[in-house]
């Protein structure tokens, strides 16, 4: 459902389920040079240490985006976050991340980490908005389609 001014209606936020893996793989492939396969995503979503959140269209339950984290003791790591290309810059990622951080904290994580391509301005702006701070870098971490590499910025946010 679209509002008159072109913004989508708010997403229905639900736990991410393994049966969403095919749609997750499609969305992931639209945003990453080396996306995860359907089977990789299904295995990650099914992992007992994983916590995933899905943003669904409230009218038809179509997947708009997802975020997947892994929990270990009192820490979590966002493994990936992806939004359907048609809905980027429409608040889906913001709403998804807000709800997911609350879920991760409720699951017992005191802090959360992530790695992001140093050139991904949209993601960096989103993470800064949520209080993530750079705590390190991994030089040459991401392989680009042209054979070059990009560094990953390691970011952290306290949840307590």
N, C-alpha and C. Protein backbone atom coordinates (compact mmCIF):
# COMPACT_ATOMS: atom_id res chain seq x y z
N UNK A 1 0.85 -1.17 0.00
CA UNK A 1 0.00 0.00 0.00
C UNK A 1 0.90 1.24 0.00
N UNK A 2 0.56 2.21 -0.84
CA UNK A 2 1.35 3.43 -0.96
C UNK A 2 0.50 4.63 -0.53
N UNK A 3 1.08 5.52 0.27
CA UNK A 3 0.40 6.77 0.61
C UNK A 3 0.42 7.68 -0.60
N UNK A 4 -0.42 8.68 -0.59
CA UNK A 4 -0.51 9.59 -1.73
C UNK A 4 0.81 10.27 -2.05
N UNK A 5 1.63 10.54 -1.07
CA UNK A 5 2.89 11.24 -1.32
C UNK A 5 4.02 10.28 -1.67
N UNK A 6 3.71 9.02 -1.91
CA UNK A 6 4.69 8.08 -2.43
C UNK A 6 5.44 7.27 -1.39
N UNK A 7 5.19 7.49 -0.11
CA UNK A 7 5.86 6.70 0.93
C UNK A 7 5.04 5.44 1.16
N UNK A 8 5.70 4.31 1.34
CA UNK A 8 4.94 3.09 1.61
C UNK A 8 4.29 3.14 2.99
N UNK A 9 3.22 2.40 3.12
CA UNK A 9 2.61 2.28 4.43
C UNK A 9 3.61 1.59 5.35
N UNK A 10 3.48 1.78 6.66
CA UNK A 10 4.44 1.16 7.57
C UNK A 10 4.47 -0.35 7.40
N UNK A 11 5.65 -0.91 7.51
CA UNK A 11 5.83 -2.35 7.38
C UNK A 11 5.30 -3.07 8.60
N UNK A 12 4.83 -4.27 8.38
CA UNK A 12 4.53 -5.18 9.48
C UNK A 12 5.85 -5.87 9.81
N UNK A 13 6.29 -5.77 11.04
CA UNK A 13 7.58 -6.33 11.43
C UNK A 13 7.34 -7.65 12.15
N UNK A 14 7.98 -8.71 11.65
CA UNK A 14 7.76 -10.06 12.16
C UNK A 14 9.11 -10.78 12.27
N UNK A 15 9.14 -11.88 13.05
CA UNK A 15 10.36 -12.71 13.06
C UNK A 15 10.61 -13.27 11.66
N UNK A 16 11.87 -13.34 11.29
CA UNK A 16 12.27 -13.90 9.99
C UNK A 16 12.22 -15.42 10.07
N UNK A 17 11.59 -16.04 9.10
CA UNK A 17 11.43 -17.50 9.07
C UNK A 17 12.17 -18.10 7.88
N UNK A 18 12.60 -19.33 8.03
CA UNK A 18 13.39 -20.01 7.01
C UNK A 18 12.68 -20.08 5.66
N UNK A 19 11.35 -20.17 5.67
CA UNK A 19 10.63 -20.24 4.39
C UNK A 19 10.73 -18.95 3.58
N UNK A 20 11.24 -17.88 4.20
CA UNK A 20 11.44 -16.62 3.48
C UNK A 20 12.77 -16.60 2.74
N UNK A 21 13.57 -17.64 2.86
CA UNK A 21 14.92 -17.66 2.26
C UNK A 21 14.94 -17.34 0.77
N UNK A 22 14.00 -17.86 -0.06
CA UNK A 22 14.06 -17.50 -1.48
C UNK A 22 13.91 -15.99 -1.73
N UNK A 23 12.97 -15.35 -1.02
CA UNK A 23 12.80 -13.91 -1.18
C UNK A 23 13.97 -13.14 -0.57
N UNK A 24 14.50 -13.65 0.54
CA UNK A 24 15.69 -13.02 1.15
C UNK A 24 16.85 -13.05 0.16
N UNK A 25 17.02 -14.19 -0.51
CA UNK A 25 18.12 -14.32 -1.48
C UNK A 25 17.94 -13.35 -2.64
N UNK A 26 16.71 -13.17 -3.10
CA UNK A 26 16.45 -12.23 -4.19
C UNK A 26 16.80 -10.81 -3.76
N UNK A 27 16.35 -10.41 -2.58
CA UNK A 27 16.62 -9.06 -2.10
C UNK A 27 18.12 -8.88 -1.83
N UNK A 28 18.74 -9.89 -1.23
CA UNK A 28 20.18 -9.82 -0.92
C UNK A 28 20.98 -9.66 -2.20
N UNK A 29 20.60 -10.38 -3.25
CA UNK A 29 21.33 -10.31 -4.52
C UNK A 29 21.23 -8.92 -5.15
N UNK A 30 20.19 -8.18 -4.83
CA UNK A 30 20.02 -6.85 -5.42
C UNK A 30 20.92 -5.80 -4.77
N UNK A 31 21.53 -6.15 -3.64
CA UNK A 31 22.31 -5.14 -2.94
C UNK A 31 23.75 -5.49 -2.66
N UNK A 32 24.16 -6.71 -3.01
CA UNK A 32 25.52 -7.14 -2.68
C UNK A 32 26.20 -7.75 -3.91
N UNK A 33 27.46 -7.43 -4.09
CA UNK A 33 28.22 -7.95 -5.24
C UNK A 33 28.36 -9.47 -5.16
N UNK A 34 28.47 -10.00 -3.95
CA UNK A 34 28.61 -11.44 -3.75
C UNK A 34 27.56 -11.88 -2.74
N UNK A 35 26.32 -12.02 -3.21
CA UNK A 35 25.21 -12.31 -2.29
C UNK A 35 25.24 -13.75 -1.79
N UNK A 36 24.53 -13.93 -0.68
CA UNK A 36 24.38 -15.27 -0.12
C UNK A 36 23.29 -16.01 -0.88
N UNK A 37 23.47 -17.30 -1.00
CA UNK A 37 22.49 -18.13 -1.71
C UNK A 37 21.27 -18.40 -0.83
N UNK A 38 20.25 -18.90 -1.46
CA UNK A 38 19.03 -19.28 -0.74
C UNK A 38 19.34 -20.29 0.36
N UNK A 39 20.16 -21.30 0.05
CA UNK A 39 20.47 -22.31 1.07
C UNK A 39 21.32 -21.74 2.20
N UNK A 40 22.24 -20.84 1.88
CA UNK A 40 23.03 -20.20 2.94
C UNK A 40 22.13 -19.39 3.87
N UNK A 41 21.22 -18.64 3.28
CA UNK A 41 20.31 -17.84 4.09
C UNK A 41 19.37 -18.73 4.91
N UNK A 42 18.87 -19.79 4.32
CA UNK A 42 18.00 -20.71 5.05
C UNK A 42 18.73 -21.29 6.26
N UNK A 43 19.99 -21.69 6.06
CA UNK A 43 20.79 -22.24 7.16
C UNK A 43 21.04 -21.20 8.25
N UNK A 44 21.34 -19.98 7.85
CA UNK A 44 21.58 -18.92 8.83
C UNK A 44 20.31 -18.60 9.62
N UNK A 45 19.19 -18.47 8.92
CA UNK A 45 17.93 -18.15 9.58
C UNK A 45 17.54 -19.25 10.56
N UNK A 46 17.83 -20.50 10.22
CA UNK A 46 17.47 -21.65 11.05
C UNK A 46 18.43 -21.87 12.21
N UNK A 47 19.57 -21.25 12.20
CA UNK A 47 20.57 -21.43 13.24
C UNK A 47 20.00 -20.96 14.58
N UNK A 48 20.10 -21.77 15.63
CA UNK A 48 19.56 -21.36 16.94
C UNK A 48 20.19 -20.10 17.51
N UNK A 49 21.40 -19.75 17.08
CA UNK A 49 22.05 -18.54 17.59
C UNK A 49 21.69 -17.30 16.78
N UNK A 50 20.86 -17.47 15.76
CA UNK A 50 20.49 -16.35 14.89
C UNK A 50 19.17 -15.73 15.33
N UNK A 51 19.05 -14.45 15.05
CA UNK A 51 17.82 -13.72 15.29
C UNK A 51 17.58 -12.88 14.05
N UNK A 52 16.44 -13.08 13.42
CA UNK A 52 16.13 -12.35 12.20
C UNK A 52 14.81 -11.63 12.29
N UNK A 53 14.73 -10.50 11.60
CA UNK A 53 13.52 -9.71 11.55
C UNK A 53 13.15 -9.47 10.09
N UNK A 54 11.86 -9.52 9.80
CA UNK A 54 11.36 -9.31 8.44
C UNK A 54 10.43 -8.10 8.44
N UNK A 55 10.55 -7.28 7.41
CA UNK A 55 9.61 -6.18 7.17
C UNK A 55 8.71 -6.64 6.03
N UNK A 56 7.41 -6.71 6.32
CA UNK A 56 6.44 -7.21 5.35
C UNK A 56 5.47 -6.11 4.95
N UNK A 57 5.02 -6.17 3.70
CA UNK A 57 3.96 -5.28 3.25
C UNK A 57 2.70 -5.69 3.99
N UNK A 58 2.05 -4.77 4.70
CA UNK A 58 0.87 -5.17 5.48
C UNK A 58 -0.32 -5.59 4.62
N UNK A 59 -0.35 -5.19 3.37
CA UNK A 59 -1.47 -5.54 2.50
C UNK A 59 -1.37 -6.93 1.91
N UNK A 60 -0.13 -7.36 1.59
CA UNK A 60 0.00 -8.65 0.90
C UNK A 60 1.08 -9.56 1.49
N UNK A 61 1.70 -9.16 2.58
CA UNK A 61 2.74 -9.93 3.29
C UNK A 61 3.99 -10.17 2.45
N UNK A 62 4.20 -9.41 1.38
CA UNK A 62 5.41 -9.53 0.58
C UNK A 62 6.59 -8.98 1.36
N UNK A 63 7.72 -9.69 1.31
CA UNK A 63 8.92 -9.28 2.03
C UNK A 63 9.47 -7.98 1.44
N UNK A 64 9.64 -6.98 2.29
CA UNK A 64 10.22 -5.70 1.90
C UNK A 64 11.70 -5.64 2.22
N UNK A 65 12.10 -6.32 3.28
CA UNK A 65 13.48 -6.31 3.71
C UNK A 65 13.65 -7.20 4.91
N UNK A 66 14.90 -7.42 5.28
CA UNK A 66 15.18 -8.28 6.43
C UNK A 66 16.52 -7.92 7.03
N UNK A 67 16.69 -8.32 8.28
CA UNK A 67 17.97 -8.17 8.97
C UNK A 67 18.20 -9.46 9.73
N UNK A 68 19.44 -9.88 9.77
CA UNK A 68 19.81 -11.14 10.40
C UNK A 68 21.04 -10.93 11.26
N UNK A 69 20.94 -11.33 12.52
CA UNK A 69 22.05 -11.20 13.48
C UNK A 69 22.36 -12.55 14.10
N UNK A 70 23.56 -12.63 14.64
CA UNK A 70 23.97 -13.81 15.41
C UNK A 70 24.26 -13.36 16.82
N UNK A 71 23.73 -14.13 17.79
CA UNK A 71 23.93 -13.84 19.21
C UNK A 71 24.98 -14.77 19.77
N UNK A 72 25.85 -14.22 20.63
CA UNK A 72 26.85 -15.02 21.34
C UNK A 72 27.05 -14.36 22.70
N UNK A 73 26.66 -15.07 23.73
CA UNK A 73 26.74 -14.55 25.08
C UNK A 73 25.95 -13.24 25.16
N UNK A 74 26.61 -12.15 25.56
CA UNK A 74 25.90 -10.87 25.67
C UNK A 74 26.23 -9.93 24.51
N UNK A 75 26.70 -10.51 23.40
CA UNK A 75 27.00 -9.72 22.21
C UNK A 75 26.23 -10.25 21.01
N UNK A 76 26.03 -9.35 20.05
CA UNK A 76 25.39 -9.73 18.80
C UNK A 76 26.15 -9.09 17.65
N UNK A 77 26.00 -9.68 16.49
CA UNK A 77 26.59 -9.12 15.28
C UNK A 77 25.53 -9.13 14.19
N UNK A 78 25.31 -7.98 13.58
CA UNK A 78 24.43 -7.94 12.42
C UNK A 78 25.20 -8.56 11.26
N UNK A 79 24.67 -9.66 10.74
CA UNK A 79 25.31 -10.34 9.63
C UNK A 79 24.96 -9.70 8.30
N UNK A 80 23.70 -9.28 8.17
CA UNK A 80 23.27 -8.61 6.94
C UNK A 80 21.96 -7.90 7.18
N UNK A 81 21.77 -6.86 6.41
CA UNK A 81 20.49 -6.15 6.35
C UNK A 81 20.30 -5.78 4.89
N UNK A 82 19.10 -6.03 4.37
CA UNK A 82 18.84 -5.77 2.96
C UNK A 82 17.39 -5.34 2.78
N UNK A 83 17.18 -4.40 1.87
CA UNK A 83 15.85 -3.87 1.58
C UNK A 83 15.62 -3.98 0.07
N UNK A 84 14.40 -4.33 -0.29
CA UNK A 84 14.02 -4.39 -1.70
C UNK A 84 14.39 -3.08 -2.38
N UNK A 85 15.02 -3.14 -3.55
CA UNK A 85 15.48 -1.91 -4.22
C UNK A 85 14.38 -0.88 -4.44
N UNK A 86 13.16 -1.32 -4.70
CA UNK A 86 12.06 -0.39 -4.95
C UNK A 86 11.66 0.38 -3.70
N UNK A 87 12.10 -0.08 -2.54
CA UNK A 87 11.69 0.54 -1.27
C UNK A 87 12.85 1.17 -0.50
N UNK A 88 14.02 1.23 -1.11
CA UNK A 88 15.15 1.87 -0.44
C UNK A 88 14.89 3.37 -0.32
N UNK A 89 15.38 3.94 0.75
CA UNK A 89 15.19 5.36 1.08
C UNK A 89 13.74 5.70 1.39
N UNK A 90 12.96 4.68 1.77
CA UNK A 90 11.55 4.90 2.12
C UNK A 90 11.28 4.59 3.58
N UNK A 91 12.33 4.39 4.38
CA UNK A 91 12.15 4.16 5.80
C UNK A 91 12.05 2.71 6.22
N UNK A 92 12.08 1.79 5.27
CA UNK A 92 11.96 0.37 5.61
C UNK A 92 13.17 -0.09 6.42
N UNK A 93 14.36 0.25 5.99
CA UNK A 93 15.57 -0.13 6.72
C UNK A 93 15.61 0.48 8.11
N UNK A 94 15.19 1.72 8.23
CA UNK A 94 15.15 2.40 9.52
C UNK A 94 14.20 1.68 10.48
N UNK A 95 12.98 1.40 10.02
CA UNK A 95 12.00 0.72 10.87
C UNK A 95 12.46 -0.68 11.23
N UNK A 96 13.04 -1.35 10.27
CA UNK A 96 13.53 -2.72 10.49
C UNK A 96 14.65 -2.73 11.52
N UNK A 97 15.61 -1.82 11.38
CA UNK A 97 16.73 -1.78 12.31
C UNK A 97 16.27 -1.39 13.72
N UNK A 98 15.37 -0.44 13.82
CA UNK A 98 14.85 -0.02 15.13
C UNK A 98 14.23 -1.22 15.86
N UNK A 99 13.36 -1.95 15.19
CA UNK A 99 12.70 -3.10 15.81
C UNK A 99 13.70 -4.21 16.12
N UNK A 100 14.64 -4.41 15.23
CA UNK A 100 15.61 -5.49 15.42
C UNK A 100 16.52 -5.22 16.62
N UNK A 101 16.96 -4.00 16.77
CA UNK A 101 17.82 -3.67 17.91
C UNK A 101 17.09 -3.93 19.22
N UNK A 102 15.80 -3.63 19.27
CA UNK A 102 15.02 -3.91 20.47
C UNK A 102 14.92 -5.42 20.72
N UNK A 103 14.75 -6.19 19.64
CA UNK A 103 14.67 -7.65 19.78
C UNK A 103 15.99 -8.24 20.27
N UNK A 104 17.08 -7.76 19.72
CA UNK A 104 18.40 -8.25 20.12
C UNK A 104 18.67 -7.92 21.59
N UNK A 105 18.32 -6.72 21.99
CA UNK A 105 18.50 -6.33 23.40
C UNK A 105 17.63 -7.21 24.30
N UNK A 106 16.38 -7.46 23.89
CA UNK A 106 15.48 -8.31 24.68
C UNK A 106 16.00 -9.74 24.78
N UNK A 107 16.77 -10.16 23.78
CA UNK A 107 17.35 -11.51 23.79
C UNK A 107 18.60 -11.59 24.66
N UNK A 108 19.03 -10.46 25.23
CA UNK A 108 20.14 -10.47 26.18
C UNK A 108 21.44 -9.86 25.72
N UNK A 109 21.47 -9.32 24.51
CA UNK A 109 22.71 -8.69 24.03
C UNK A 109 22.89 -7.32 24.67
N UNK A 110 24.08 -7.05 25.15
CA UNK A 110 24.41 -5.75 25.73
C UNK A 110 25.04 -4.82 24.71
N UNK A 111 25.57 -5.38 23.65
CA UNK A 111 26.19 -4.59 22.59
C UNK A 111 26.04 -5.35 21.27
N UNK A 112 26.11 -4.59 20.19
CA UNK A 112 25.96 -5.19 18.87
C UNK A 112 27.02 -4.60 17.94
N UNK A 113 27.54 -5.43 17.09
CA UNK A 113 28.59 -5.06 16.13
C UNK A 113 28.07 -5.27 14.71
N UNK A 114 28.75 -4.67 13.76
CA UNK A 114 28.49 -4.91 12.35
C UNK A 114 29.71 -4.51 11.56
N UNK A 115 29.77 -4.97 10.33
CA UNK A 115 30.80 -4.55 9.38
C UNK A 115 30.08 -3.98 8.17
N UNK A 116 30.59 -2.86 7.67
CA UNK A 116 29.96 -2.18 6.55
C UNK A 116 31.04 -1.67 5.60
N UNK A 117 30.76 -1.76 4.31
CA UNK A 117 31.67 -1.26 3.29
C UNK A 117 31.89 0.24 3.53
N UNK A 118 33.13 0.65 3.57
CA UNK A 118 33.47 2.04 3.85
C UNK A 118 32.86 3.02 2.84
N UNK A 119 32.44 2.54 1.68
CA UNK A 119 31.87 3.39 0.63
C UNK A 119 30.35 3.37 0.61
N UNK A 120 29.72 2.62 1.51
CA UNK A 120 28.26 2.50 1.52
C UNK A 120 27.67 3.65 2.34
N UNK A 121 27.52 4.80 1.68
CA UNK A 121 27.08 6.01 2.37
C UNK A 121 25.70 5.86 3.00
N UNK A 122 24.77 5.21 2.32
CA UNK A 122 23.42 5.06 2.85
C UNK A 122 23.44 4.24 4.14
N UNK A 123 24.17 3.14 4.13
CA UNK A 123 24.25 2.31 5.34
C UNK A 123 24.97 3.04 6.46
N UNK A 124 26.03 3.73 6.15
CA UNK A 124 26.76 4.48 7.17
C UNK A 124 25.87 5.55 7.82
N UNK A 125 25.05 6.22 7.01
CA UNK A 125 24.14 7.23 7.55
C UNK A 125 23.09 6.58 8.46
N UNK A 126 22.57 5.44 8.04
CA UNK A 126 21.59 4.72 8.85
C UNK A 126 22.19 4.31 10.19
N UNK A 127 23.37 3.73 10.15
CA UNK A 127 24.00 3.26 11.39
C UNK A 127 24.36 4.42 12.31
N UNK A 128 24.82 5.52 11.75
CA UNK A 128 25.12 6.70 12.56
C UNK A 128 23.85 7.22 13.24
N UNK A 129 22.76 7.20 12.52
CA UNK A 129 21.48 7.64 13.07
C UNK A 129 21.08 6.82 14.29
N UNK A 130 21.49 5.56 14.32
CA UNK A 130 21.16 4.68 15.43
C UNK A 130 22.26 4.58 16.47
N UNK A 131 23.25 5.45 16.38
CA UNK A 131 24.26 5.52 17.42
C UNK A 131 25.41 4.53 17.30
N UNK A 132 25.58 3.91 16.16
CA UNK A 132 26.74 3.05 15.96
C UNK A 132 27.98 3.92 15.80
N UNK A 133 29.09 3.46 16.33
CA UNK A 133 30.36 4.19 16.21
C UNK A 133 31.43 3.26 15.65
N UNK A 134 32.31 3.82 14.87
CA UNK A 134 33.41 3.05 14.29
C UNK A 134 34.37 2.65 15.41
N UNK A 135 34.70 1.35 15.44
CA UNK A 135 35.66 0.85 16.43
C UNK A 135 36.85 0.16 15.77
N UNK A 136 36.85 0.07 14.45
CA UNK A 136 37.96 -0.57 13.77
C UNK A 136 37.70 -0.64 12.28
N UNK A 137 38.64 -1.26 11.57
CA UNK A 137 38.51 -1.44 10.13
C UNK A 137 39.21 -2.73 9.73
N UNK A 138 38.69 -3.34 8.69
CA UNK A 138 39.30 -4.53 8.10
C UNK A 138 39.68 -4.15 6.67
N UNK A 139 40.95 -3.92 6.45
CA UNK A 139 41.44 -3.49 5.14
C UNK A 139 41.26 -4.60 4.10
N UNK A 140 40.74 -4.22 2.94
CA UNK A 140 40.58 -5.16 1.84
C UNK A 140 39.58 -6.28 2.11
N UNK A 141 38.63 -6.05 2.96
CA UNK A 141 37.69 -7.09 3.40
C UNK A 141 36.69 -7.48 2.33
N UNK A 142 36.16 -6.49 1.61
CA UNK A 142 35.14 -6.75 0.58
C UNK A 142 35.77 -6.81 -0.80
N UNK A 143 35.53 -7.89 -1.50
CA UNK A 143 35.98 -8.03 -2.87
C UNK A 143 34.93 -7.39 -3.78
N UNK A 144 35.37 -6.55 -4.70
CA UNK A 144 34.49 -5.87 -5.63
C UNK A 144 34.43 -6.65 -6.94
N UNK A 145 33.36 -6.48 -7.72
CA UNK A 145 33.25 -7.20 -9.01
C UNK A 145 34.41 -6.92 -9.96
N UNK A 146 35.03 -5.74 -9.86
CA UNK A 146 36.15 -5.39 -10.75
C UNK A 146 37.49 -5.93 -10.26
N UNK A 147 37.47 -6.71 -9.17
CA UNK A 147 38.69 -7.29 -8.64
C UNK A 147 39.35 -6.47 -7.55
N UNK A 148 38.95 -5.22 -7.40
CA UNK A 148 39.49 -4.38 -6.34
C UNK A 148 38.86 -4.79 -5.02
N UNK A 149 39.36 -4.21 -3.95
CA UNK A 149 38.79 -4.50 -2.64
C UNK A 149 38.40 -3.18 -1.95
N UNK A 150 37.55 -3.32 -0.97
CA UNK A 150 37.15 -2.18 -0.14
C UNK A 150 37.27 -2.60 1.31
N UNK A 151 37.56 -1.64 2.15
CA UNK A 151 37.67 -1.92 3.57
C UNK A 151 36.30 -1.98 4.21
N UNK A 152 36.21 -2.78 5.25
CA UNK A 152 35.01 -2.84 6.07
C UNK A 152 35.26 -2.02 7.32
N UNK A 153 34.32 -1.17 7.65
CA UNK A 153 34.38 -0.47 8.92
C UNK A 153 33.66 -1.35 9.95
N UNK A 154 34.29 -1.56 11.08
CA UNK A 154 33.68 -2.30 12.17
C UNK A 154 33.02 -1.26 13.07
N UNK A 155 31.72 -1.46 13.32
CA UNK A 155 30.97 -0.50 14.12
C UNK A 155 30.32 -1.22 15.29
N UNK A 156 30.06 -0.45 16.34
CA UNK A 156 29.51 -1.01 17.57
C UNK A 156 28.48 -0.04 18.15
N UNK A 157 27.50 -0.64 18.82
CA UNK A 157 26.51 0.14 19.56
C UNK A 157 26.19 -0.59 20.84
N UNK A 158 26.20 0.13 21.95
CA UNK A 158 25.76 -0.47 23.21
C UNK A 158 24.24 -0.50 23.23
N UNK A 159 23.69 -1.55 23.79
CA UNK A 159 22.24 -1.72 23.82
C UNK A 159 21.65 -1.54 25.22
N UNK A 160 22.52 -1.37 26.21
CA UNK A 160 22.02 -1.23 27.59
C UNK A 160 21.91 0.22 27.99
